[in-house]
Amino acid sequence: MELTVNDYLTQLDKAKTQTDTTDAAQIQQAATLTKGLQFVIDQLDAGYLACYVWQVAMPSGDSLEVALETNLINIPMQEAMRLDPKLLEGADAKPVNLYLVATGTDLNASGLRIDELAAADELNGSTTALTEKMQAWVTKQLAQTNENRAAKAAE
């Protein structure tokens, strides 16, 4: 799927979103991540942009939000209005990609981490490799948040 910036911004209000509540142990399970991945793939196949959000209860402190979402570049969907001609050429079609987004206090200085998971056109076939990549990424973000919270508590 390829969209121009204007087409992407127009389709945002029709984007399909699903939210789930989980904990730090459950979010690392393949079944939990595959459910979100399959939701996003199904929406893309139906011609919709999508976002699957997990509200992750952490062992201590505020929850961490982990999302799998579609975008043209690595900017969270909620900040898509930043996709202006200064950032991308508005008339050129760009591939829609899947991004993993984590937001939360103590994650890092900005409270945000976003990384590309895959291009939308790479989503045909088995989701096993993508799920494994998601597991490693989520585990890293959870560990970073816990490490930062432990360091803060030790101060």
N, C-alpha and C. Protein backbone atom coordinates (compact mmCIF):
# COMPACT_ATOMS: atom_id res chain seq x y z
N MET A 1 0.85 -1.17 0.00
CA MET A 1 0.00 0.00 0.00
C MET A 1 0.90 1.24 0.00
N GLU A 2 0.60 2.15 -0.92
CA GLU A 2 1.32 3.42 -0.98
C GLU A 2 0.30 4.54 -0.93
N LEU A 3 0.66 5.61 -0.21
CA LEU A 3 -0.22 6.76 -0.08
C LEU A 3 0.61 8.04 -0.16
N THR A 4 -0.02 9.10 -0.66
CA THR A 4 0.60 10.41 -0.57
C THR A 4 0.36 10.91 0.85
N VAL A 5 1.08 11.94 1.25
CA VAL A 5 0.88 12.52 2.58
C VAL A 5 -0.57 12.97 2.74
N ASN A 6 -1.11 13.62 1.73
CA ASN A 6 -2.50 14.11 1.80
C ASN A 6 -3.49 12.96 1.93
N ASP A 7 -3.28 11.88 1.17
CA ASP A 7 -4.17 10.70 1.27
C ASP A 7 -4.06 10.08 2.65
N TYR A 8 -2.85 10.00 3.17
CA TYR A 8 -2.65 9.43 4.51
C TYR A 8 -3.41 10.25 5.55
N LEU A 9 -3.23 11.57 5.51
CA LEU A 9 -3.90 12.44 6.49
C LEU A 9 -5.42 12.35 6.36
N THR A 10 -5.92 12.22 5.14
CA THR A 10 -7.36 12.08 4.91
C THR A 10 -7.89 10.78 5.49
N GLN A 11 -7.12 9.70 5.36
CA GLN A 11 -7.57 8.38 5.83
C GLN A 11 -7.43 8.19 7.34
N LEU A 12 -6.70 9.08 8.01
CA LEU A 12 -6.48 8.91 9.44
C LEU A 12 -7.76 8.83 10.26
N ASP A 13 -8.79 9.65 9.90
CA ASP A 13 -10.02 9.60 10.70
C ASP A 13 -10.80 8.31 10.48
N LYS A 14 -10.45 7.53 9.47
CA LYS A 14 -11.10 6.23 9.24
C LYS A 14 -10.24 5.07 9.73
N ALA A 15 -9.08 5.39 10.31
CA ALA A 15 -8.17 4.34 10.78
C ALA A 15 -8.85 3.48 11.84
N LYS A 16 -8.57 2.21 11.81
CA LYS A 16 -9.14 1.26 12.77
C LYS A 16 -8.18 1.11 13.94
N THR A 17 -8.70 1.25 15.15
CA THR A 17 -7.87 1.18 16.35
C THR A 17 -8.48 0.19 17.33
N GLN A 18 -7.61 -0.55 17.98
CA GLN A 18 -8.05 -1.47 19.04
C GLN A 18 -7.08 -1.31 20.20
N THR A 19 -7.61 -1.34 21.42
CA THR A 19 -6.80 -1.19 22.62
C THR A 19 -7.00 -2.39 23.52
N ASP A 20 -5.91 -2.82 24.13
CA ASP A 20 -5.91 -3.97 25.02
C ASP A 20 -5.15 -3.61 26.30
N THR A 21 -5.54 -4.18 27.40
CA THR A 21 -4.83 -4.00 28.66
C THR A 21 -4.10 -5.29 28.98
N THR A 22 -2.84 -5.18 29.38
CA THR A 22 -2.05 -6.36 29.67
C THR A 22 -1.01 -6.02 30.73
N ASP A 23 -0.15 -6.96 31.03
CA ASP A 23 0.94 -6.69 31.97
C ASP A 23 2.27 -6.98 31.30
N ALA A 24 3.35 -6.69 32.02
CA ALA A 24 4.70 -6.80 31.43
C ALA A 24 5.04 -8.22 31.00
N ALA A 25 4.55 -9.22 31.72
CA ALA A 25 4.83 -10.61 31.33
C ALA A 25 4.02 -11.01 30.10
N GLN A 26 2.76 -10.64 30.06
CA GLN A 26 1.87 -11.04 28.97
C GLN A 26 2.22 -10.38 27.63
N ILE A 27 2.66 -9.12 27.67
CA ILE A 27 2.98 -8.40 26.42
C ILE A 27 4.16 -9.04 25.69
N GLN A 28 4.96 -9.81 26.39
CA GLN A 28 6.11 -10.45 25.77
C GLN A 28 5.77 -11.80 25.14
N GLN A 29 4.53 -12.25 25.31
CA GLN A 29 4.10 -13.54 24.77
C GLN A 29 3.75 -13.41 23.29
N ALA A 30 4.14 -14.40 22.53
CA ALA A 30 3.89 -14.40 21.09
C ALA A 30 2.41 -14.27 20.77
N ALA A 31 1.55 -14.95 21.51
CA ALA A 31 0.11 -14.92 21.24
C ALA A 31 -0.46 -13.51 21.39
N THR A 32 0.01 -12.79 22.40
CA THR A 32 -0.46 -11.42 22.64
C THR A 32 -0.06 -10.51 21.48
N LEU A 33 1.18 -10.59 21.06
CA LEU A 33 1.68 -9.74 19.98
C LEU A 33 1.10 -10.14 18.63
N THR A 34 0.93 -11.43 18.40
CA THR A 34 0.37 -11.91 17.13
C THR A 34 -1.06 -11.42 16.96
N LYS A 35 -1.81 -11.35 18.06
CA LYS A 35 -3.19 -10.85 17.99
C LYS A 35 -3.21 -9.42 17.45
N GLY A 36 -2.33 -8.57 17.96
CA GLY A 36 -2.26 -7.19 17.48
C GLY A 36 -1.77 -7.10 16.06
N LEU A 37 -0.75 -7.88 15.74
CA LEU A 37 -0.20 -7.90 14.39
C LEU A 37 -1.26 -8.35 13.38
N GLN A 38 -2.01 -9.38 13.72
CA GLN A 38 -3.05 -9.87 12.82
C GLN A 38 -4.15 -8.84 12.61
N PHE A 39 -4.51 -8.12 13.68
CA PHE A 39 -5.50 -7.05 13.56
C PHE A 39 -5.04 -6.00 12.56
N VAL A 40 -3.80 -5.55 12.68
CA VAL A 40 -3.28 -4.52 11.78
C VAL A 40 -3.21 -5.03 10.34
N ILE A 41 -2.75 -6.26 10.16
CA ILE A 41 -2.69 -6.85 8.81
C ILE A 41 -4.08 -6.94 8.20
N ASP A 42 -5.06 -7.40 8.99
CA ASP A 42 -6.43 -7.50 8.48
C ASP A 42 -6.98 -6.14 8.04
N GLN A 43 -6.68 -5.11 8.82
CA GLN A 43 -7.16 -3.76 8.46
C GLN A 43 -6.48 -3.25 7.19
N LEU A 44 -5.18 -3.48 7.08
CA LEU A 44 -4.47 -3.09 5.86
C LEU A 44 -5.02 -3.82 4.64
N ASP A 45 -5.29 -5.12 4.81
CA ASP A 45 -5.86 -5.90 3.70
C ASP A 45 -7.22 -5.37 3.28
N ALA A 46 -7.96 -4.78 4.25
CA ALA A 46 -9.27 -4.22 3.95
C ALA A 46 -9.18 -2.77 3.46
N GLY A 47 -7.95 -2.24 3.37
CA GLY A 47 -7.75 -0.89 2.86
C GLY A 47 -7.76 0.21 3.91
N TYR A 48 -7.61 -0.16 5.18
CA TYR A 48 -7.62 0.83 6.26
C TYR A 48 -6.25 0.96 6.91
N LEU A 49 -5.95 2.14 7.40
CA LEU A 49 -4.81 2.33 8.29
C LEU A 49 -5.23 1.75 9.63
N ALA A 50 -4.25 1.38 10.47
CA ALA A 50 -4.62 0.73 11.72
C ALA A 50 -3.61 1.02 12.83
N CYS A 51 -4.10 0.82 14.05
CA CYS A 51 -3.27 0.97 15.24
C CYS A 51 -3.78 0.01 16.30
N TYR A 52 -2.88 -0.79 16.85
CA TYR A 52 -3.23 -1.69 17.95
C TYR A 52 -2.40 -1.23 19.15
N VAL A 53 -3.08 -0.93 20.26
CA VAL A 53 -2.41 -0.38 21.44
C VAL A 53 -2.56 -1.33 22.62
N TRP A 54 -1.43 -1.57 23.29
CA TRP A 54 -1.43 -2.33 24.53
C TRP A 54 -1.10 -1.36 25.67
N GLN A 55 -1.97 -1.27 26.67
CA GLN A 55 -1.66 -0.53 27.89
C GLN A 55 -1.03 -1.54 28.83
N VAL A 56 0.26 -1.40 29.09
CA VAL A 56 1.02 -2.40 29.83
C VAL A 56 1.22 -1.96 31.28
N ALA A 57 0.62 -2.70 32.21
CA ALA A 57 0.82 -2.44 33.63
C ALA A 57 2.22 -2.91 33.99
N MET A 58 2.99 -2.00 34.53
CA MET A 58 4.37 -2.30 34.90
C MET A 58 4.44 -2.74 36.37
N PRO A 59 5.49 -3.48 36.75
CA PRO A 59 5.63 -3.92 38.13
C PRO A 59 5.66 -2.75 39.12
N SER A 60 6.21 -1.62 38.68
CA SER A 60 6.20 -0.43 39.51
C SER A 60 6.08 0.80 38.62
N GLY A 61 5.49 1.84 39.13
CA GLY A 61 5.37 3.07 38.36
C GLY A 61 4.22 3.05 37.37
N ASP A 62 4.21 4.09 36.54
CA ASP A 62 3.16 4.25 35.54
C ASP A 62 3.22 3.15 34.48
N SER A 63 2.11 2.96 33.81
CA SER A 63 2.07 1.96 32.74
C SER A 63 2.87 2.45 31.54
N LEU A 64 3.18 1.52 30.68
CA LEU A 64 3.88 1.78 29.43
C LEU A 64 2.90 1.49 28.31
N GLU A 65 2.81 2.38 27.34
CA GLU A 65 1.94 2.14 26.20
C GLU A 65 2.79 1.64 25.04
N VAL A 66 2.40 0.49 24.51
CA VAL A 66 3.07 -0.09 23.35
C VAL A 66 2.05 -0.15 22.23
N ALA A 67 2.43 0.33 21.05
CA ALA A 67 1.50 0.34 19.93
C ALA A 67 2.17 -0.19 18.67
N LEU A 68 1.36 -0.79 17.84
CA LEU A 68 1.76 -1.21 16.51
C LEU A 68 0.89 -0.39 15.57
N GLU A 69 1.50 0.46 14.75
CA GLU A 69 0.70 1.35 13.93
C GLU A 69 1.28 1.56 12.54
N THR A 70 0.43 2.06 11.67
CA THR A 70 0.81 2.31 10.29
C THR A 70 1.12 3.79 10.09
N ASN A 71 2.17 4.06 9.33
CA ASN A 71 2.52 5.44 9.02
C ASN A 71 3.47 5.45 7.83
N LEU A 72 3.74 6.63 7.33
CA LEU A 72 4.66 6.78 6.20
C LEU A 72 6.11 6.90 6.66
N ILE A 73 6.31 7.54 7.81
CA ILE A 73 7.64 7.66 8.40
C ILE A 73 7.51 7.46 9.91
N ASN A 74 8.64 7.49 10.60
CA ASN A 74 8.61 7.16 12.02
C ASN A 74 8.15 8.33 12.91
N ILE A 75 6.88 8.65 12.76
CA ILE A 75 6.19 9.62 13.61
C ILE A 75 4.92 8.92 14.09
N PRO A 76 4.61 8.98 15.37
CA PRO A 76 3.37 8.35 15.85
C PRO A 76 2.14 8.88 15.12
N MET A 77 1.14 8.03 14.94
CA MET A 77 -0.08 8.43 14.24
C MET A 77 -0.71 9.68 14.85
N GLN A 78 -0.67 9.78 16.17
CA GLN A 78 -1.30 10.92 16.82
C GLN A 78 -0.59 12.24 16.52
N GLU A 79 0.62 12.16 15.98
CA GLU A 79 1.36 13.36 15.60
C GLU A 79 1.47 13.48 14.09
N ALA A 80 0.58 12.83 13.37
CA ALA A 80 0.66 12.77 11.91
C ALA A 80 0.54 14.13 11.23
N MET A 81 0.00 15.10 11.90
CA MET A 81 -0.11 16.42 11.27
C MET A 81 1.27 17.02 11.00
N ARG A 82 2.31 16.44 11.63
CA ARG A 82 3.68 16.88 11.34
C ARG A 82 4.13 16.43 9.96
N LEU A 83 3.35 15.56 9.31
CA LEU A 83 3.68 15.10 7.96
C LEU A 83 3.30 16.18 6.96
N ASP A 84 4.07 17.20 6.89
CA ASP A 84 3.78 18.27 5.96
C ASP A 84 4.83 18.28 4.84
N PRO A 85 4.65 19.11 3.86
CA PRO A 85 5.60 19.12 2.73
C PRO A 85 7.05 19.39 3.13
N LYS A 86 7.28 19.99 4.28
CA LYS A 86 8.65 20.21 4.72
C LYS A 86 9.33 18.88 5.06
N LEU A 87 8.53 17.92 5.50
CA LEU A 87 9.06 16.63 5.91
C LEU A 87 9.06 15.61 4.77
N LEU A 88 7.98 15.59 4.01
CA LEU A 88 7.83 14.68 2.87
C LEU A 88 7.19 15.45 1.72
N GLU A 89 7.53 15.06 0.53
CA GLU A 89 6.88 15.65 -0.63
C GLU A 89 5.43 15.19 -0.64
N GLY A 90 4.50 16.12 -0.59
CA GLY A 90 3.08 15.79 -0.50
C GLY A 90 2.51 15.04 -1.69
N ALA A 91 3.05 15.25 -2.87
CA ALA A 91 2.49 14.65 -4.08
C ALA A 91 3.04 13.26 -4.37
N ASP A 92 4.17 12.91 -3.77
CA ASP A 92 4.77 11.60 -4.04
C ASP A 92 4.18 10.54 -3.13
N ALA A 93 3.79 9.41 -3.73
CA ALA A 93 3.27 8.29 -2.94
C ALA A 93 4.43 7.61 -2.21
N LYS A 94 4.21 7.30 -0.96
CA LYS A 94 5.21 6.64 -0.12
C LYS A 94 4.62 5.32 0.38
N PRO A 95 5.45 4.32 0.61
CA PRO A 95 4.92 3.07 1.15
C PRO A 95 4.47 3.24 2.60
N VAL A 96 3.40 2.57 2.95
CA VAL A 96 2.92 2.55 4.33
C VAL A 96 3.72 1.48 5.06
N ASN A 97 4.24 1.83 6.21
CA ASN A 97 5.04 0.91 7.02
C ASN A 97 4.39 0.66 8.36
N LEU A 98 4.82 -0.41 9.01
CA LEU A 98 4.38 -0.72 10.37
C LEU A 98 5.47 -0.28 11.33
N TYR A 99 5.06 0.42 12.37
CA TYR A 99 5.99 0.91 13.37
C TYR A 99 5.59 0.41 14.74
N LEU A 100 6.59 0.13 15.55
CA LEU A 100 6.39 -0.17 16.96
C LEU A 100 6.66 1.12 17.71
N VAL A 101 5.74 1.49 18.59
CA VAL A 101 5.83 2.74 19.33
C VAL A 101 5.67 2.43 20.81
N ALA A 102 6.58 2.93 21.62
CA ALA A 102 6.46 2.82 23.08
C ALA A 102 6.48 4.22 23.65
N THR A 103 5.55 4.50 24.56
CA THR A 103 5.52 5.79 25.24
C THR A 103 5.31 5.56 26.73
N GLY A 104 6.05 6.29 27.51
CA GLY A 104 5.89 6.19 28.95
C GLY A 104 6.99 6.90 29.71
N THR A 105 6.67 7.25 30.93
CA THR A 105 7.67 7.89 31.77
C THR A 105 8.78 6.89 32.05
N ASP A 106 9.97 7.38 32.13
CA ASP A 106 11.17 6.60 32.43
C ASP A 106 11.62 5.68 31.31
N LEU A 107 10.98 5.72 30.15
CA LEU A 107 11.45 4.92 29.01
C LEU A 107 12.79 5.47 28.53
N ASN A 108 12.82 6.78 28.32
CA ASN A 108 14.03 7.50 27.94
C ASN A 108 13.77 8.98 28.18
N ALA A 109 14.67 9.83 27.78
CA ALA A 109 14.52 11.27 28.05
C ALA A 109 13.26 11.86 27.42
N SER A 110 12.90 11.39 26.22
CA SER A 110 11.72 11.94 25.53
C SER A 110 10.43 11.22 25.90
N GLY A 111 10.52 10.04 26.51
CA GLY A 111 9.33 9.26 26.82
C GLY A 111 8.73 8.57 25.61
N LEU A 112 9.49 8.51 24.50
CA LEU A 112 8.99 7.94 23.25
C LEU A 112 10.09 7.15 22.56
N ARG A 113 9.72 5.99 22.04
CA ARG A 113 10.61 5.20 21.19
C ARG A 113 9.77 4.68 20.04
N ILE A 114 10.25 4.87 18.81
CA ILE A 114 9.53 4.38 17.63
C ILE A 114 10.53 3.78 16.66
N ASP A 115 10.23 2.57 16.18
CA ASP A 115 11.09 1.87 15.24
C ASP A 115 10.23 1.17 14.20
N GLU A 116 10.75 1.10 12.98
CA GLU A 116 10.04 0.40 11.91
C GLU A 116 10.10 -1.10 12.14
N LEU A 117 8.95 -1.74 12.03
CA LEU A 117 8.88 -3.20 12.10
C LEU A 117 9.01 -3.79 10.71
N ALA A 118 8.22 -3.26 9.76
CA ALA A 118 8.22 -3.81 8.40
C ALA A 118 7.47 -2.87 7.47
N ALA A 119 7.75 -3.01 6.20
CA ALA A 119 6.94 -2.33 5.19
C ALA A 119 5.65 -3.11 5.03
N ALA A 120 4.56 -2.41 4.81
CA ALA A 120 3.26 -3.08 4.71
C ALA A 120 3.24 -4.15 3.63
N ASP A 121 3.99 -3.95 2.54
CA ASP A 121 3.98 -4.94 1.46
C ASP A 121 4.81 -6.19 1.80
N GLU A 122 5.48 -6.20 2.94
CA GLU A 122 6.22 -7.38 3.40
C GLU A 122 5.38 -8.28 4.30
N LEU A 123 4.10 -7.96 4.47
CA LEU A 123 3.28 -8.66 5.45
C LEU A 123 2.58 -9.90 4.92
N ASN A 124 2.87 -10.30 3.73
CA ASN A 124 2.26 -11.51 3.19
C ASN A 124 2.93 -12.74 3.78
N GLY A 125 2.13 -13.73 4.12
CA GLY A 125 2.70 -14.98 4.61
C GLY A 125 2.79 -15.05 6.12
N SER A 126 3.79 -15.76 6.59
CA SER A 126 3.95 -16.06 8.00
C SER A 126 4.26 -14.81 8.83
N THR A 127 3.65 -14.73 10.00
CA THR A 127 3.89 -13.61 10.91
C THR A 127 4.91 -13.99 11.99
N THR A 128 5.43 -15.21 11.94
CA THR A 128 6.34 -15.69 12.98
C THR A 128 7.57 -14.81 13.14
N ALA A 129 8.24 -14.49 12.04
CA ALA A 129 9.45 -13.67 12.12
C ALA A 129 9.15 -12.28 12.66
N LEU A 130 8.03 -11.69 12.24
CA LEU A 130 7.66 -10.37 12.74
C LEU A 130 7.31 -10.42 14.22
N THR A 131 6.63 -11.47 14.64
CA THR A 131 6.29 -11.62 16.06
C THR A 131 7.56 -11.73 16.89
N GLU A 132 8.53 -12.49 16.42
CA GLU A 132 9.80 -12.64 17.15
C GLU A 132 10.52 -11.29 17.24
N LYS A 133 10.50 -10.53 16.15
CA LYS A 133 11.12 -9.21 16.15
C LYS A 133 10.39 -8.28 17.15
N MET A 134 9.06 -8.38 17.18
CA MET A 134 8.27 -7.59 18.13
C MET A 134 8.60 -7.98 19.57
N GLN A 135 8.72 -9.27 19.83
CA GLN A 135 9.04 -9.73 21.18
C GLN A 135 10.37 -9.16 21.66
N ALA A 136 11.38 -9.21 20.83
CA ALA A 136 12.69 -8.69 21.20
C ALA A 136 12.61 -7.18 21.46
N TRP A 137 11.88 -6.46 20.62
CA TRP A 137 11.76 -5.01 20.78
C TRP A 137 11.02 -4.66 22.06
N VAL A 138 9.90 -5.32 22.31
CA VAL A 138 9.11 -5.05 23.52
C VAL A 138 9.92 -5.36 24.77
N THR A 139 10.61 -6.50 24.77
CA THR A 139 11.43 -6.88 25.92
C THR A 139 12.49 -5.81 26.20
N LYS A 140 13.08 -5.28 25.14
CA LYS A 140 14.10 -4.23 25.31
C LYS A 140 13.50 -2.96 25.91
N GLN A 141 12.31 -2.56 25.47
CA GLN A 141 11.68 -1.34 26.00
C GLN A 141 11.27 -1.52 27.46
N LEU A 142 10.76 -2.69 27.80
CA LEU A 142 10.40 -2.98 29.19
C LEU A 142 11.63 -2.95 30.08
N ALA A 143 12.70 -3.58 29.62
CA ALA A 143 13.94 -3.63 30.40
C ALA A 143 14.51 -2.22 30.59
N GLN A 144 14.48 -1.42 29.53
CA GLN A 144 15.00 -0.04 29.62
C GLN A 144 14.19 0.76 30.63
N THR A 145 12.88 0.63 30.59
CA THR A 145 12.02 1.36 31.52
C THR A 145 12.31 0.92 32.96
N ASN A 146 12.38 -0.38 33.18
CA ASN A 146 12.66 -0.90 34.54
C ASN A 146 14.04 -0.46 35.03
N GLU A 147 15.02 -0.50 34.14
CA GLU A 147 16.38 -0.09 34.49
C GLU A 147 16.41 1.40 34.88
N ASN A 148 15.74 2.22 34.09
CA ASN A 148 15.69 3.66 34.38
C ASN A 148 14.97 3.94 35.69
N ARG A 149 13.92 3.19 35.95
CA ARG A 149 13.18 3.38 37.22
C ARG A 149 14.02 2.95 38.41
N ALA A 150 14.75 1.86 38.27
CA ALA A 150 15.63 1.39 39.36
C ALA A 150 16.73 2.40 39.64
N ALA A 151 17.31 2.96 38.58
CA ALA A 151 18.36 3.96 38.75
C ALA A 151 17.82 5.22 39.43
N LYS A 152 16.60 5.61 39.05
CA LYS A 152 15.97 6.78 39.65
C LYS A 152 15.69 6.55 41.15
N ALA A 153 15.24 5.34 41.47
CA ALA A 153 14.93 5.01 42.86
C ALA A 153 16.20 4.95 43.71
N ALA A 154 17.32 4.58 43.10
CA ALA A 154 18.59 4.46 43.83
C ALA A 154 19.22 5.83 44.10
N GLU A 155 18.77 6.86 43.42
CA GLU A 155 19.35 8.20 43.60
C GLU A 155 19.04 8.79 44.95
